[in-house]
Amino acid sequence: MGLKREKVIAFCATVTFFIVGVVCYAAFPEKKPDQPIRIMFKSITGKVLFSHKEHVDEDGYGLDCTDCHHYYEEGDLSTISCTECHISESDEEEEVPKRSDALHSQCIGCHQEYGGGPDECSECHVL
């Protein structure tokens, strides 16, 4: 067998494996988890990477959904974005706290109540 023929066979095998890999990847997509693993909160003071999995897993803190998600519609818990009700910033005093105030009271309040987790700005706003 000549060197040129070996190169052609190697090239064809490489292309075949690449095509098979792409088809298999497209045919069997990764299953999306029922709950998010991590959530990125963006703010002007720095991004906060929140480990949702750590907070809800039994091996972690084991929190119920209702410990944080408090929006109910006809008796059902609905996990909508915080910004649906809590707007980012506002000069007006409203019954619904701003997003930053709501998150700070929720997170820091829970950390202080249960004696765990970060409670300083730079421990969460790290990115």
C-alpha atoms as a PDB file:
ATOM      1  CA  MET A   1       0.000   0.000   0.000  1.00  0.00           C
ATOM      2  CA  GLY A   2       1.323   3.377  -0.921  1.00  0.00           C
ATOM      3  CA  LEU A   3       1.717   6.303   1.417  1.00  0.00           C
ATOM      4  CA  LYS A   4      -0.841   8.339  -0.525  1.00  0.00           C
ATOM      5  CA  ARG A   5      -3.460   5.591  -0.223  1.00  0.00           C
ATOM      6  CA  GLU A   6      -2.864   5.315   3.553  1.00  0.00           C
ATOM      7  CA  LYS A   7      -3.384   9.067   3.921  1.00  0.00           C
ATOM      8  CA  VAL A   8      -6.647   8.892   1.952  1.00  0.00           C
ATOM      9  CA  ILE A   9      -7.898   6.003   4.120  1.00  0.00           C
ATOM     10  CA  ALA A  10      -6.921   7.868   7.322  1.00  0.00           C
ATOM     11  CA  PHE A  11      -8.640  11.029   6.085  1.00  0.00           C
ATOM     12  CA  CYS A  12     -11.828   9.125   5.149  1.00  0.00           C
ATOM     13  CA  ALA A  13     -11.863   7.369   8.539  1.00  0.00           C
ATOM     14  CA  THR A  14     -11.433  10.704  10.342  1.00  0.00           C
ATOM     15  CA  VAL A  15     -14.248  12.333   8.377  1.00  0.00           C
ATOM     16  CA  THR A  16     -16.495   9.299   8.978  1.00  0.00           C
ATOM     17  CA  PHE A  17     -15.861   9.339  12.745  1.00  0.00           C
ATOM     18  CA  PHE A  18     -16.472  13.092  12.829  1.00  0.00           C
ATOM     19  CA  ILE A  19     -19.803  12.755  11.006  1.00  0.00           C
ATOM     20  CA  VAL A  20     -20.887   9.846  13.230  1.00  0.00           C
ATOM     21  CA  GLY A  21     -19.963  11.902  16.310  1.00  0.00           C
ATOM     22  CA  VAL A  22     -21.927  14.944  15.166  1.00  0.00           C
ATOM     23  CA  VAL A  23     -24.984  12.849  14.278  1.00  0.00           C
ATOM     24  CA  CYS A  24     -24.899  11.018  17.633  1.00  0.00           C
ATOM     25  CA  TYR A  25     -24.483  14.288  19.524  1.00  0.00           C
ATOM     26  CA  ALA A  26     -27.439  15.833  17.690  1.00  0.00           C
ATOM     27  CA  ALA A  27     -29.616  12.730  17.985  1.00  0.00           C
ATOM     28  CA  PHE A  28     -29.126  12.301  21.739  1.00  0.00           C
ATOM     29  CA  PRO A  29     -29.066  15.764  23.350  1.00  0.00           C
ATOM     30  CA  GLU A  30     -28.270  16.079  27.019  1.00  0.00           C
ATOM     31  CA  LYS A  31     -31.404  16.042  29.172  1.00  0.00           C
ATOM     32  CA  LYS A  32     -32.091  19.403  30.761  1.00  0.00           C
ATOM     33  CA  PRO A  33     -32.268  19.120  34.571  1.00  0.00           C
ATOM     34  CA  ASP A  34     -35.634  19.652  36.263  1.00  0.00           C
ATOM     35  CA  GLN A  35     -34.105  22.387  38.404  1.00  0.00           C
ATOM     36  CA  PRO A  36     -31.278  24.779  37.622  1.00  0.00           C
ATOM     37  CA  ILE A  37     -27.869  23.869  38.989  1.00  0.00           C
ATOM     38  CA  ARG A  38     -26.441  27.387  39.227  1.00  0.00           C
ATOM     39  CA  ILE A  39     -27.961  30.811  38.624  1.00  0.00           C
ATOM     40  CA  MET A  40     -26.016  33.960  37.722  1.00  0.00           C
ATOM     41  CA  PHE A  41     -27.424  37.159  39.214  1.00  0.00           C
ATOM     42  CA  LYS A  42     -26.041  40.279  37.523  1.00  0.00           C
ATOM     43  CA  SER A  43     -25.699  43.582  39.341  1.00  0.00           C
ATOM     44  CA  ILE A  44     -23.625  46.742  39.168  1.00  0.00           C
ATOM     45  CA  THR A  45     -21.727  45.651  42.295  1.00  0.00           C
ATOM     46  CA  GLY A  46     -20.574  42.371  40.754  1.00  0.00           C
ATOM     47  CA  LYS A  47     -22.115  39.159  39.560  1.00  0.00           C
ATOM     48  CA  VAL A  48     -23.331  36.589  42.078  1.00  0.00           C
ATOM     49  CA  LEU A  49     -23.083  32.903  41.202  1.00  0.00           C
ATOM     50  CA  PHE A  50     -25.816  31.172  43.221  1.00  0.00           C
ATOM     51  CA  SER A  51     -25.647  27.402  43.703  1.00  0.00           C
ATOM     52  CA  HIS A  52     -29.304  26.397  43.434  1.00  0.00           C
ATOM     53  CA  LYS A  53     -28.423  22.697  43.646  1.00  0.00           C
ATOM     54  CA  GLU A  54     -26.538  23.147  46.933  1.00  0.00           C
ATOM     55  CA  HIS A  55     -29.524  24.879  48.496  1.00  0.00           C
ATOM     56  CA  VAL A  56     -32.189  22.326  47.463  1.00  0.00           C
ATOM     57  CA  ASP A  57     -30.322  18.992  47.614  1.00  0.00           C
ATOM     58  CA  GLU A  58     -30.710  16.851  50.706  1.00  0.00           C
ATOM     59  CA  ASP A  59     -26.901  16.615  50.801  1.00  0.00           C
ATOM     60  CA  GLY A  60     -26.795  20.431  50.918  1.00  0.00           C
ATOM     61  CA  TYR A  61     -29.192  22.671  52.835  1.00  0.00           C
ATOM     62  CA  GLY A  62     -32.344  20.772  51.829  1.00  0.00           C
ATOM     63  CA  LEU A  63     -34.528  23.867  51.419  1.00  0.00           C
ATOM     64  CA  ASP A  64     -38.065  23.628  50.057  1.00  0.00           C
ATOM     65  CA  CYS A  65     -39.032  25.638  46.993  1.00  0.00           C
ATOM     66  CA  THR A  66     -41.382  27.736  49.125  1.00  0.00           C
ATOM     67  CA  ASP A  67     -38.519  28.852  51.374  1.00  0.00           C
ATOM     68  CA  CYS A  68     -37.390  31.216  48.600  1.00  0.00           C
ATOM     69  CA  HIS A  69     -40.052  31.233  45.884  1.00  0.00           C
ATOM     70  CA  HIS A  70     -43.044  32.975  47.377  1.00  0.00           C
ATOM     71  CA  TYR A  71     -45.235  33.711  44.379  1.00  0.00           C
ATOM     72  CA  TYR A  72     -48.439  31.690  44.330  1.00  0.00           C
ATOM     73  CA  GLU A  73     -51.065  31.606  41.623  1.00  0.00           C
ATOM     74  CA  GLU A  74     -54.314  29.801  42.404  1.00  0.00           C
ATOM     75  CA  GLY A  75     -52.613  27.698  45.070  1.00  0.00           C
ATOM     76  CA  ASP A  76     -49.773  26.563  42.811  1.00  0.00           C
ATOM     77  CA  LEU A  77     -46.178  27.594  43.251  1.00  0.00           C
ATOM     78  CA  SER A  78     -44.911  29.321  40.144  1.00  0.00           C
ATOM     79  CA  THR A  79     -41.184  29.897  39.748  1.00  0.00           C
ATOM     80  CA  ILE A  80     -41.129  33.170  37.877  1.00  0.00           C
ATOM     81  CA  SER A  81     -38.167  35.496  37.661  1.00  0.00           C
ATOM     82  CA  CYS A  82     -37.694  37.794  40.652  1.00  0.00           C
ATOM     83  CA  THR A  83     -37.733  40.759  38.276  1.00  0.00           C
ATOM     84  CA  GLU A  84     -41.345  40.024  37.314  1.00  0.00           C
ATOM     85  CA  CYS A  85     -42.382  41.733  40.562  1.00  0.00           C
ATOM     86  CA  HIS A  86     -39.168  43.179  42.002  1.00  0.00           C
ATOM     87  CA  ILE A  87     -37.935  45.800  39.550  1.00  0.00           C
ATOM     88  CA  SER A  88     -34.201  46.502  39.447  1.00  0.00           C
ATOM     89  CA  GLU A  89     -34.159  50.058  40.743  1.00  0.00           C
ATOM     90  CA  SER A  90     -36.826  52.620  41.493  1.00  0.00           C
ATOM     91  CA  ASP A  91     -36.983  56.038  43.135  1.00  0.00           C
ATOM     92  CA  GLU A  92     -40.578  55.493  44.199  1.00  0.00           C
ATOM     93  CA  GLU A  93     -41.527  53.860  47.487  1.00  0.00           C
ATOM     94  CA  GLU A  94     -43.628  50.843  46.684  1.00  0.00           C
ATOM     95  CA  GLU A  95     -45.082  47.920  48.578  1.00  0.00           C
ATOM     96  CA  VAL A  96     -42.886  45.528  46.617  1.00  0.00           C
ATOM     97  CA  PRO A  97     -39.186  45.968  47.472  1.00  0.00           C
ATOM     98  CA  LYS A  98     -36.576  46.574  44.779  1.00  0.00           C
ATOM     99  CA  ARG A  99     -34.851  43.453  43.462  1.00  0.00           C
ATOM    100  CA  SER A 100     -31.594  44.185  45.295  1.00  0.00           C
ATOM    101  CA  ASP A 101     -33.398  44.810  48.605  1.00  0.00           C
ATOM    102  CA  ALA A 102     -35.505  41.673  48.210  1.00  0.00           C
ATOM    103  CA  LEU A 103     -32.517  39.463  47.399  1.00  0.00           C
ATOM    104  CA  HIS A 104     -30.406  40.917  50.178  1.00  0.00           C
ATOM    105  CA  SER A 105     -33.099  40.456  52.812  1.00  0.00           C
ATOM    106  CA  GLN A 106     -33.879  36.938  51.547  1.00  0.00           C
ATOM    107  CA  CYS A 107     -30.289  35.696  51.322  1.00  0.00           C
ATOM    108  CA  ILE A 108     -28.608  37.519  54.188  1.00  0.00           C
ATOM    109  CA  GLY A 109     -31.645  37.055  56.438  1.00  0.00           C
ATOM    110  CA  CYS A 110     -31.580  33.294  55.919  1.00  0.00           C
ATOM    111  CA  HIS A 111     -27.804  33.098  56.370  1.00  0.00           C
ATOM    112  CA  GLN A 112     -27.992  35.033  59.631  1.00  0.00           C
ATOM    113  CA  GLU A 113     -31.013  33.093  60.908  1.00  0.00           C
ATOM    114  CA  TYR A 114     -29.443  29.681  60.307  1.00  0.00           C
ATOM    115  CA  GLY A 115     -25.845  30.690  60.941  1.00  0.00           C
ATOM    116  CA  GLY A 116     -24.459  29.615  57.599  1.00  0.00           C
ATOM    117  CA  GLY A 117     -23.382  31.005  54.293  1.00  0.00           C
ATOM    118  CA  PRO A 118     -21.756  34.294  53.433  1.00  0.00           C
ATOM    119  CA  ASP A 119     -22.997  37.534  54.917  1.00  0.00           C
ATOM    120  CA  GLU A 120     -20.414  40.023  53.598  1.00  0.00           C
ATOM    121  CA  CYS A 121     -20.737  41.764  50.211  1.00  0.00           C
ATOM    122  CA  SER A 122     -17.448  40.471  48.793  1.00  0.00           C
ATOM    123  CA  GLU A 123     -18.294  36.863  49.666  1.00  0.00           C
ATOM    124  CA  CYS A 124     -21.165  36.812  47.140  1.00  0.00           C
ATOM    125  CA  HIS A 125     -20.284  39.589  44.684  1.00  0.00           C
ATOM    126  CA  VAL A 126     -17.106  37.935  43.452  1.00  0.00           C
ATOM    127  CA  LEU A 127     -17.368  37.852  39.644  1.00  0.00           C
END
